[in-house]
Amino acid sequence: MASGDATIPPEPADQDDSGRRCEKCAAAMKQLAELPALSIRSAIKVFRCYACNHVVADRA
């Protein structure tokens, strides 16, 4: 149910948290995890394309 109140966050299913497209098939990728930064290594975000099963890890 949609609400006109701006203080209520949208449903999780309505959010596109991936923000990334697959290089192989151009489908939307889903973010699986965000690994925290450790020592001198930066944080890493892991994405998966459910259309072609392509997995990518990006520095955050």
PDB file of N, CA and C in Angstrom:
ATOM      1  N   MET A   1       0.841  -1.174   0.000  1.00  0.00           N
ATOM      2  CA  MET A   1       0.000   0.000   0.000  1.00  0.00           C
ATOM      3  C   MET A   1       0.888   1.240   0.000  1.00  0.00           C
ATOM      4  N   ALA A   2       0.683   2.106  -0.934  1.00  0.00           N
ATOM      5  CA  ALA A   2       1.471   3.319  -1.028  1.00  0.00           C
ATOM      6  C   ALA A   2       0.917   4.376  -0.093  1.00  0.00           C
ATOM      7  N   SER A   3       1.806   5.189   0.415  1.00  0.00           N
ATOM      8  CA  SER A   3       1.406   6.238   1.334  1.00  0.00           C
ATOM      9  C   SER A   3       1.915   7.573   0.803  1.00  0.00           C
ATOM     10  N   GLY A   4       1.138   8.621   1.046  1.00  0.00           N
ATOM     11  CA  GLY A   4       1.550   9.945   0.630  1.00  0.00           C
ATOM     12  C   GLY A   4       2.486  10.597   1.632  1.00  0.00           C
ATOM     13  N   ASP A   5       2.702   9.965   2.780  1.00  0.00           N
ATOM     14  CA  ASP A   5       3.573  10.510   3.822  1.00  0.00           C
ATOM     15  C   ASP A   5       5.030  10.292   3.444  1.00  0.00           C
ATOM     16  N   ALA A   6       5.806  11.349   3.354  1.00  0.00           N
ATOM     17  CA  ALA A   6       7.206  11.263   2.932  1.00  0.00           C
ATOM     18  C   ALA A   6       8.112  10.677   4.009  1.00  0.00           C
ATOM     19  N   THR A   7       7.620  10.573   5.241  1.00  0.00           N
ATOM     20  CA  THR A   7       8.459  10.043   6.317  1.00  0.00           C
ATOM     21  C   THR A   7       8.469   8.519   6.359  1.00  0.00           C
ATOM     22  N   ILE A   8       7.563   7.873   5.640  1.00  0.00           N
ATOM     23  CA  ILE A   8       7.519   6.415   5.607  1.00  0.00           C
ATOM     24  C   ILE A   8       8.390   5.928   4.457  1.00  0.00           C
ATOM     25  N   PRO A   9       9.400   5.059   4.733  1.00  0.00           N
ATOM     26  CA  PRO A   9      10.257   4.573   3.648  1.00  0.00           C
ATOM     27  C   PRO A   9       9.482   3.640   2.721  1.00  0.00           C
ATOM     28  N   PRO A  10       9.886   3.546   1.451  1.00  0.00           N
ATOM     29  CA  PRO A  10       9.203   2.658   0.519  1.00  0.00           C
ATOM     30  C   PRO A  10       9.430   1.197   0.897  1.00  0.00           C
ATOM     31  N   GLU A  11       8.592   0.329   0.360  1.00  0.00           N
ATOM     32  CA  GLU A  11       8.722  -1.097   0.603  1.00  0.00           C
ATOM     33  C   GLU A  11      10.084  -1.586   0.099  1.00  0.00           C
ATOM     34  N   PRO A  12      10.701  -2.563   0.762  1.00  0.00           N
ATOM     35  CA  PRO A  12      11.991  -3.084   0.296  1.00  0.00           C
ATOM     36  C   PRO A  12      11.941  -3.616  -1.127  1.00  0.00           C
ATOM     37  N   ALA A  13      10.819  -4.189  -1.533  1.00  0.00           N
ATOM     38  CA  ALA A  13      10.698  -4.708  -2.895  1.00  0.00           C
ATOM     39  C   ALA A  13      10.700  -3.588  -3.927  1.00  0.00           C
ATOM     40  N   ASP A  14      10.331  -2.355  -3.501  1.00  0.00           N
ATOM     41  CA  ASP A  14      10.293  -1.229  -4.420  1.00  0.00           C
ATOM     42  C   ASP A  14      11.658  -0.588  -4.609  1.00  0.00           C
ATOM     43  N   GLN A  15      12.610  -0.902  -3.757  1.00  0.00           N
ATOM     44  CA  GLN A  15      13.925  -0.285  -3.826  1.00  0.00           C
ATOM     45  C   GLN A  15      14.833  -1.084  -4.744  1.00  0.00           C
ATOM     46  N   ASP A  16      15.616  -0.387  -5.562  1.00  0.00           N
ATOM     47  CA  ASP A  16      16.618  -1.028  -6.415  1.00  0.00           C
ATOM     48  C   ASP A  16      17.965  -0.735  -5.796  1.00  0.00           C
ATOM     49  N   ASP A  17      18.443  -1.630  -4.911  1.00  0.00           N
ATOM     50  CA  ASP A  17      19.676  -1.375  -4.186  1.00  0.00           C
ATOM     51  C   ASP A  17      20.916  -1.743  -4.985  1.00  0.00           C
ATOM     52  N   SER A  18      20.732  -2.285  -6.171  1.00  0.00           N
ATOM     53  CA  SER A  18      21.895  -2.721  -6.926  1.00  0.00           C
ATOM     54  C   SER A  18      22.666  -1.537  -7.490  1.00  0.00           C
ATOM     55  N   GLY A  19      21.992  -0.656  -8.260  1.00  0.00           N
ATOM     56  CA  GLY A  19      22.667   0.473  -8.852  1.00  0.00           C
ATOM     57  C   GLY A  19      23.723   0.058  -9.857  1.00  0.00           C
ATOM     58  N   ARG A  20      23.637  -1.149 -10.382  1.00  0.00           N
ATOM     59  CA  ARG A  20      24.641  -1.665 -11.300  1.00  0.00           C
ATOM     60  C   ARG A  20      23.965  -2.527 -12.360  1.00  0.00           C
ATOM     61  N   ARG A  21      24.495  -2.463 -13.572  1.00  0.00           N
ATOM     62  CA  ARG A  21      24.019  -3.286 -14.679  1.00  0.00           C
ATOM     63  C   ARG A  21      25.071  -4.333 -15.018  1.00  0.00           C
ATOM     64  N   CYS A  22      24.632  -5.503 -15.419  1.00  0.00           N
ATOM     65  CA  CYS A  22      25.527  -6.601 -15.802  1.00  0.00           C
ATOM     66  C   CYS A  22      26.231  -6.257 -17.108  1.00  0.00           C
ATOM     67  N   GLU A  23      27.536  -6.518 -17.149  1.00  0.00           N
ATOM     68  CA  GLU A  23      28.306  -6.259 -18.362  1.00  0.00           C
ATOM     69  C   GLU A  23      27.994  -7.271 -19.462  1.00  0.00           C
ATOM     70  N   LYS A  24      27.548  -8.464 -19.083  1.00  0.00           N
ATOM     71  CA  LYS A  24      27.295  -9.528 -20.057  1.00  0.00           C
ATOM     72  C   LYS A  24      25.925  -9.422 -20.710  1.00  0.00           C
ATOM     73  N   CYS A  25      24.873  -9.164 -19.887  1.00  0.00           N
ATOM     74  CA  CYS A  25      23.519  -9.190 -20.451  1.00  0.00           C
ATOM     75  C   CYS A  25      22.730  -7.905 -20.210  1.00  0.00           C
ATOM     76  N   ALA A  26      23.291  -6.933 -19.525  1.00  0.00           N
ATOM     77  CA  ALA A  26      22.687  -5.625 -19.249  1.00  0.00           C
ATOM     78  C   ALA A  26      21.482  -5.681 -18.314  1.00  0.00           C
ATOM     79  N   ALA A  27      21.268  -6.793 -17.625  1.00  0.00           N
ATOM     80  CA  ALA A  27      20.185  -6.890 -16.644  1.00  0.00           C
ATOM     81  C   ALA A  27      20.622  -6.210 -15.345  1.00  0.00           C
ATOM     82  N   ALA A  28      19.658  -5.866 -14.512  1.00  0.00           N
ATOM     83  CA  ALA A  28      19.975  -5.262 -13.216  1.00  0.00           C
ATOM     84  C   ALA A  28      20.623  -6.309 -12.318  1.00  0.00           C
ATOM     85  N   MET A  29      21.680  -5.906 -11.622  1.00  0.00           N
ATOM     86  CA  MET A  29      22.363  -6.804 -10.698  1.00  0.00           C
ATOM     87  C   MET A  29      21.904  -6.512  -9.277  1.00  0.00           C
ATOM     88  N   LYS A  30      21.892  -7.529  -8.434  1.00  0.00           N
ATOM     89  CA  LYS A  30      21.496  -7.382  -7.034  1.00  0.00           C
ATOM     90  C   LYS A  30      22.742  -7.397  -6.163  1.00  0.00           C
ATOM     91  N   GLN A  31      22.801  -6.459  -5.224  1.00  0.00           N
ATOM     92  CA  GLN A  31      23.927  -6.423  -4.294  1.00  0.00           C
ATOM     93  C   GLN A  31      23.725  -7.520  -3.260  1.00  0.00           C
ATOM     94  N   LEU A  32      24.701  -8.422  -3.161  1.00  0.00           N
ATOM     95  CA  LEU A  32      24.613  -9.524  -2.215  1.00  0.00           C
ATOM     96  C   LEU A  32      25.203  -9.171  -0.865  1.00  0.00           C
ATOM     97  N   ALA A  33      26.328  -8.444  -0.868  1.00  0.00           N
ATOM     98  CA  ALA A  33      27.004  -8.149   0.391  1.00  0.00           C
ATOM     99  C   ALA A  33      27.880  -6.926   0.243  1.00  0.00           C
ATOM    100  N   GLU A  34      28.218  -6.342   1.392  1.00  0.00           N
ATOM    101  CA  GLU A  34      29.218  -5.284   1.443  1.00  0.00           C
ATOM    102  C   GLU A  34      30.208  -5.688   2.529  1.00  0.00           C
ATOM    103  N   LEU A  35      31.398  -6.053   2.095  1.00  0.00           N
ATOM    104  CA  LEU A  35      32.439  -6.483   3.025  1.00  0.00           C
ATOM    105  C   LEU A  35      33.142  -5.253   3.566  1.00  0.00           C
ATOM    106  N   PRO A  36      33.340  -5.159   4.866  1.00  0.00           N
ATOM    107  CA  PRO A  36      33.924  -3.956   5.463  1.00  0.00           C
ATOM    108  C   PRO A  36      35.402  -3.792   5.125  1.00  0.00           C
ATOM    109  N   ALA A  37      35.866  -2.570   5.246  1.00  0.00           N
ATOM    110  CA  ALA A  37      37.281  -2.274   5.034  1.00  0.00           C
ATOM    111  C   ALA A  37      38.080  -2.842   6.203  1.00  0.00           C
ATOM    112  N   LEU A  38      39.206  -3.446   5.888  1.00  0.00           N
ATOM    113  CA  LEU A  38      40.094  -4.007   6.902  1.00  0.00           C
ATOM    114  C   LEU A  38      41.503  -3.493   6.666  1.00  0.00           C
ATOM    115  N   SER A  39      42.092  -2.935   7.693  1.00  0.00           N
ATOM    116  CA  SER A  39      43.473  -2.465   7.647  1.00  0.00           C
ATOM    117  C   SER A  39      43.673  -1.536   6.445  1.00  0.00           C
ATOM    118  N   ILE A  40      44.477  -1.942   5.471  1.00  0.00           N
ATOM    119  CA  ILE A  40      44.756  -1.082   4.317  1.00  0.00           C
ATOM    120  C   ILE A  40      43.859  -1.396   3.122  1.00  0.00           C
ATOM    121  N   ARG A  41      42.987  -2.392   3.236  1.00  0.00           N
ATOM    122  CA  ARG A  41      42.102  -2.769   2.136  1.00  0.00           C
ATOM    123  C   ARG A  41      40.784  -2.006   2.229  1.00  0.00           C
ATOM    124  N   SER A  42      40.281  -1.565   1.093  1.00  0.00           N
ATOM    125  CA  SER A  42      39.020  -0.823   1.081  1.00  0.00           C
ATOM    126  C   SER A  42      37.830  -1.786   1.145  1.00  0.00           C
ATOM    127  N   ALA A  43      36.661  -1.245   1.416  1.00  0.00           N
ATOM    128  CA  ALA A  43      35.442  -2.048   1.468  1.00  0.00           C
ATOM    129  C   ALA A  43      35.119  -2.586   0.076  1.00  0.00           C
ATOM    130  N   ILE A  44      34.431  -3.713   0.031  1.00  0.00           N
ATOM    131  CA  ILE A  44      34.089  -4.361  -1.239  1.00  0.00           C
ATOM    132  C   ILE A  44      32.595  -4.646  -1.276  1.00  0.00           C
ATOM    133  N   LYS A  45      31.956  -4.335  -2.415  1.00  0.00           N
ATOM    134  CA  LYS A  45      30.557  -4.668  -2.644  1.00  0.00           C
ATOM    135  C   LYS A  45      30.502  -5.815  -3.652  1.00  0.00           C
ATOM    136  N   VAL A  46      29.663  -6.824  -3.353  1.00  0.00           N
ATOM    137  CA  VAL A  46      29.527  -7.992  -4.212  1.00  0.00           C
ATOM    138  C   VAL A  46      28.146  -7.959  -4.870  1.00  0.00           C
ATOM    139  N   PHE A  47      28.114  -8.083  -6.200  1.00  0.00           N
ATOM    140  CA  PHE A  47      26.880  -8.039  -6.978  1.00  0.00           C
ATOM    141  C   PHE A  47      26.716  -9.337  -7.763  1.00  0.00           C
ATOM    142  N   ARG A  48      25.454  -9.748  -7.971  1.00  0.00           N
ATOM    143  CA  ARG A  48      25.160 -10.932  -8.781  1.00  0.00           C
ATOM    144  C   ARG A  48      24.035 -10.623  -9.750  1.00  0.00           C
ATOM    145  N   CYS A  49      24.208 -11.089 -10.976  1.00  0.00           N
ATOM    146  CA  CYS A  49      23.154 -10.998 -11.989  1.00  0.00           C
ATOM    147  C   CYS A  49      22.389 -12.315 -11.967  1.00  0.00           C
ATOM    148  N   TYR A  50      21.106 -12.260 -11.659  1.00  0.00           N
ATOM    149  CA  TYR A  50      20.306 -13.474 -11.607  1.00  0.00           C
ATOM    150  C   TYR A  50      19.873 -13.934 -12.995  1.00  0.00           C
ATOM    151  N   ALA A  51      20.054 -13.088 -14.013  1.00  0.00           N
ATOM    152  CA  ALA A  51      19.696 -13.483 -15.371  1.00  0.00           C
ATOM    153  C   ALA A  51      20.750 -14.412 -15.980  1.00  0.00           C
ATOM    154  N   CYS A  52      22.042 -14.085 -15.784  1.00  0.00           N
ATOM    155  CA  CYS A  52      23.099 -14.896 -16.393  1.00  0.00           C
ATOM    156  C   CYS A  52      24.087 -15.464 -15.367  1.00  0.00           C
ATOM    157  N   ASN A  53      23.845 -15.218 -14.078  1.00  0.00           N
ATOM    158  CA  ASN A  53      24.652 -15.750 -12.976  1.00  0.00           C
ATOM    159  C   ASN A  53      26.076 -15.174 -12.934  1.00  0.00           C
ATOM    160  N   HIS A  54      26.253 -13.976 -13.434  1.00  0.00           N
ATOM    161  CA  HIS A  54      27.549 -13.295 -13.420  1.00  0.00           C
ATOM    162  C   HIS A  54      27.728 -12.615 -12.060  1.00  0.00           C
ATOM    163  N   VAL A  55      28.916 -12.762 -11.447  1.00  0.00           N
ATOM    164  CA  VAL A  55      29.202 -12.177 -10.135  1.00  0.00           C
ATOM    165  C   VAL A  55      30.363 -11.201 -10.273  1.00  0.00           C
ATOM    166  N   VAL A  56      30.245 -10.027  -9.609  1.00  0.00           N
ATOM    167  CA  VAL A  56      31.257  -8.987  -9.687  1.00  0.00           C
ATOM    168  C   VAL A  56      31.504  -8.431  -8.286  1.00  0.00           C
ATOM    169  N   ALA A  57      32.758  -8.111  -7.994  1.00  0.00           N
ATOM    170  CA  ALA A  57      33.111  -7.450  -6.739  1.00  0.00           C
ATOM    171  C   ALA A  57      33.735  -6.099  -7.075  1.00  0.00           C
ATOM    172  N   ASP A  58      33.209  -5.028  -6.464  1.00  0.00           N
ATOM    173  CA  ASP A  58      33.695  -3.660  -6.694  1.00  0.00           C
ATOM    174  C   ASP A  58      34.170  -3.070  -5.380  1.00  0.00           C
ATOM    175  N   ARG A  59      35.174  -2.204  -5.460  1.00  0.00           N
ATOM    176  CA  ARG A  59      35.569  -1.442  -4.281  1.00  0.00           C
ATOM    177  C   ARG A  59      34.505  -0.400  -3.980  1.00  0.00           C
ATOM    178  N   ALA A  60      34.202  -0.249  -2.720  1.00  0.00           N
ATOM    179  CA  ALA A  60      33.149   0.696  -2.320  1.00  0.00           C
ATOM    180  C   ALA A  60      33.706   2.094  -2.163  1.00  0.00           C
TER     181      ALA A  60
END
